């Protein structure tokens, strides 16, 4: 794939929406392209996450391997950003990523992403605001989960 196509793909990723072409060019030029064969893992749950992946071609399933049989949490297609939090902070992979058919990803290391933010500081403000909005939108859902968990604990106490 050409550098121009990779830049166009990055422009289509919602997380990178509104970021000018020049910073995206830095990411596209410096990211590592990886091929993943059908049935192979991109990463496993619990692995240290050193960055994110942009899915270029194919499909990736995010899988919870705890239950039997394993549960597909999400099926991702081209343009998906996998592990966006790992672009910003050190974290571990919460799920396993498995190729469904042959897939290709761009691996964006955290150090590369931070370099881009350092060179284009105005983008950091845009992304900070975007992340804050997303976290704000998650707050009610987290509250509902907490209420369900607490309700289940109360019901279990009297058993």
Protein backbone atom coordinates (compact mmCIF):
# COMPACT_ATOMS: atom_id res chain seq x y z
CA UNK A 1 0.00 0.00 0.00
CA UNK A 2 1.28 3.46 -0.76
CA UNK A 3 1.97 6.19 1.75
CA UNK A 4 -0.89 8.25 0.26
CA UNK A 5 -3.37 5.39 0.76
CA UNK A 6 -2.22 4.92 4.35
CA UNK A 7 -2.71 8.65 4.99
CA UNK A 8 -6.21 8.47 3.50
CA UNK A 9 -6.99 5.47 5.70
CA UNK A 10 -5.78 7.33 8.81
CA UNK A 11 -8.01 10.28 7.86
CA UNK A 12 -11.00 7.91 7.90
CA UNK A 13 -10.31 6.77 11.49
CA UNK A 14 -12.65 8.71 13.83
CA UNK A 15 -9.91 9.12 16.46
CA UNK A 16 -7.77 10.99 13.91
CA UNK A 17 -10.67 13.03 12.50
CA UNK A 18 -9.70 16.64 11.87
CA UNK A 19 -5.96 16.04 12.19
CA UNK A 20 -4.10 17.67 9.29
CA UNK A 21 -2.36 15.55 6.66
CA UNK A 22 1.20 16.41 7.76
CA UNK A 23 1.01 14.74 11.21
CA UNK A 24 -0.82 11.78 9.66
CA UNK A 25 1.98 11.54 7.12
CA UNK A 26 4.45 11.19 10.01
CA UNK A 27 2.38 8.36 11.48
CA UNK A 28 1.86 6.61 8.13
CA UNK A 29 5.55 6.86 7.23
CA UNK A 30 6.81 5.65 10.61
CA UNK A 31 4.20 3.01 11.47
CA UNK A 32 5.07 -0.64 10.93
CA UNK A 33 2.94 -2.62 8.50
CA UNK A 34 2.14 -6.15 9.74
CA UNK A 35 0.45 -9.06 8.00
CA UNK A 36 -1.54 -11.46 10.17
CA UNK A 37 -2.52 -14.85 8.76
CA UNK A 38 -6.00 -16.31 9.28
CA UNK A 39 -6.44 -17.62 12.81
CA UNK A 40 -3.29 -15.94 14.15
CA UNK A 41 -3.20 -13.60 17.10
CA UNK A 42 -2.30 -9.94 16.75
CA UNK A 43 -1.97 -9.92 20.55
CA UNK A 44 -3.31 -11.77 23.59
CA UNK A 45 -5.22 -10.51 26.60
CA UNK A 46 -2.81 -9.39 29.31
CA UNK A 47 0.01 -8.51 26.90
CA UNK A 48 1.76 -5.20 27.52
CA UNK A 49 0.40 -2.71 24.99
CA UNK A 50 3.09 -0.60 23.36
CA UNK A 51 0.77 1.25 21.00
CA UNK A 52 -2.28 0.90 18.80
CA UNK A 53 -3.12 -0.71 15.49
CA UNK A 54 -5.05 0.63 12.53
CA UNK A 55 -6.73 -2.17 10.62
CA UNK A 56 -5.92 -1.70 6.94
CA UNK A 57 -7.33 -4.87 5.39
CA UNK A 58 -9.28 -7.87 6.62
CA UNK A 59 -11.11 -8.54 9.86
CA UNK A 60 -9.98 -8.78 13.47
CA UNK A 61 -12.08 -10.28 16.25
CA UNK A 62 -11.61 -9.03 19.80
CA UNK A 63 -12.13 -12.13 21.91
CA UNK A 64 -12.65 -12.88 25.61
CA UNK A 65 -10.94 -16.23 26.01
CA UNK A 66 -12.18 -16.72 29.59
CA UNK A 67 -15.50 -18.45 28.82
CA UNK A 68 -15.78 -21.77 27.00
CA UNK A 69 -16.20 -21.37 24.13
CA UNK A 70 -14.39 -18.01 23.83
CA UNK A 71 -16.73 -15.05 23.29
CA UNK A 72 -16.32 -12.62 20.39
CA UNK A 73 -16.67 -9.16 21.90
CA UNK A 74 -16.36 -7.19 18.67
CA UNK A 75 -15.59 -7.79 15.00
CA UNK A 76 -13.53 -4.99 13.46
CA UNK A 77 -13.01 -4.05 9.83
CA UNK A 78 -10.77 -1.72 7.85
CA UNK A 79 -10.32 1.70 9.40
CA UNK A 80 -10.75 0.47 12.99
CA UNK A 81 -8.29 1.71 15.61
CA UNK A 82 -7.41 -1.08 18.04
CA UNK A 83 -5.94 -0.05 21.38
CA UNK A 84 -6.23 3.72 21.20
CA UNK A 85 -5.65 4.05 24.95
CA UNK A 86 -2.24 2.39 24.49
CA UNK A 87 -1.24 5.27 22.22
CA UNK A 88 -1.33 7.53 25.26
CA UNK A 89 -0.59 5.47 28.39
CA UNK A 90 1.03 2.21 29.40
CA UNK A 91 -1.62 -0.47 29.68
CA UNK A 92 -2.29 -4.14 29.11
CA UNK A 93 -4.47 -5.62 26.39
CA UNK A 94 -7.96 -6.30 27.83
CA UNK A 95 -8.85 -8.85 25.13
CA UNK A 96 -7.25 -11.09 22.53
CA UNK A 97 -7.16 -9.93 18.89
CA UNK A 98 -7.53 -12.71 16.32
CA UNK A 99 -7.35 -12.43 12.53
CA UNK A 100 -10.41 -13.70 10.68
CA UNK A 101 -8.98 -14.33 7.25
CA UNK A 102 -5.79 -12.57 6.30
CA UNK A 103 -5.41 -9.09 7.80
CA UNK A 104 -2.99 -6.18 7.61
CA UNK A 105 -2.49 -3.53 10.28
CA UNK A 106 -0.39 -0.44 10.79
CA UNK A 107 1.31 -0.66 14.19
CA UNK A 108 1.60 2.80 15.75
CA UNK A 109 4.01 2.79 18.69
CA UNK A 110 3.23 5.00 21.67
CA UNK A 111 6.62 6.70 21.27
CA UNK A 112 5.72 7.61 17.66
CA UNK A 113 2.33 8.95 18.71
CA UNK A 114 3.89 11.03 21.48
CA UNK A 115 6.47 12.36 19.02
CA UNK A 116 3.63 13.46 16.73
CA UNK A 117 1.93 15.20 19.66
CA UNK A 118 5.20 16.91 20.58
CA UNK A 119 5.73 18.20 17.06
CA UNK A 120 2.08 19.24 16.61
CA UNK A 121 1.00 20.41 20.07
CA UNK A 122 -2.36 21.78 18.84
CA UNK A 123 -3.39 18.20 18.05
CA UNK A 124 -2.90 17.22 21.68
CA UNK A 125 -5.61 19.71 22.68
CA UNK A 126 -8.00 18.33 20.05
CA UNK A 127 -7.42 14.73 21.15
CA UNK A 128 -7.62 15.60 24.86
CA UNK A 129 -11.03 17.19 24.28
CA UNK A 130 -12.18 14.21 22.21
CA UNK A 131 -11.09 11.76 24.90
CA UNK A 132 -12.72 13.85 27.64
CA UNK A 133 -16.00 13.84 25.70
CA UNK A 134 -15.86 10.06 25.31
CA UNK A 135 -15.10 9.53 28.99
CA UNK A 136 -17.96 11.83 29.90
CA UNK A 137 -20.29 9.80 27.71
CA UNK A 138 -19.14 6.60 29.44
CA UNK A 139 -19.84 7.89 32.96
CA UNK A 140 -23.59 7.03 32.95
CA UNK A 141 -22.84 3.54 31.62
CA UNK A 142 -20.22 2.98 34.31
CA UNK A 143 -22.77 4.12 36.90
CA UNK A 144 -25.32 1.61 35.59
CA UNK A 145 -22.74 -1.19 35.75
CA UNK A 146 -21.84 -0.18 39.31
CA UNK A 147 -25.53 -0.20 40.29
CA UNK A 148 -26.01 -3.68 38.80
CA UNK A 149 -22.89 -4.97 40.55
CA UNK A 150 -23.89 -3.47 43.89
CA UNK A 151 -27.42 -4.79 43.52
CA UNK A 152 -26.09 -8.27 42.84
CA UNK A 153 -23.82 -8.09 45.87
CA UNK A 154 -26.73 -7.03 48.10
CA UNK A 155 -28.88 -9.89 46.84
CA UNK A 156 -26.03 -12.33 47.44
CA UNK A 157 -25.41 -11.13 51.02
CA UNK A 158 -28.60 -12.58 52.45
CA UNK A 159 -28.22 -16.02 50.80
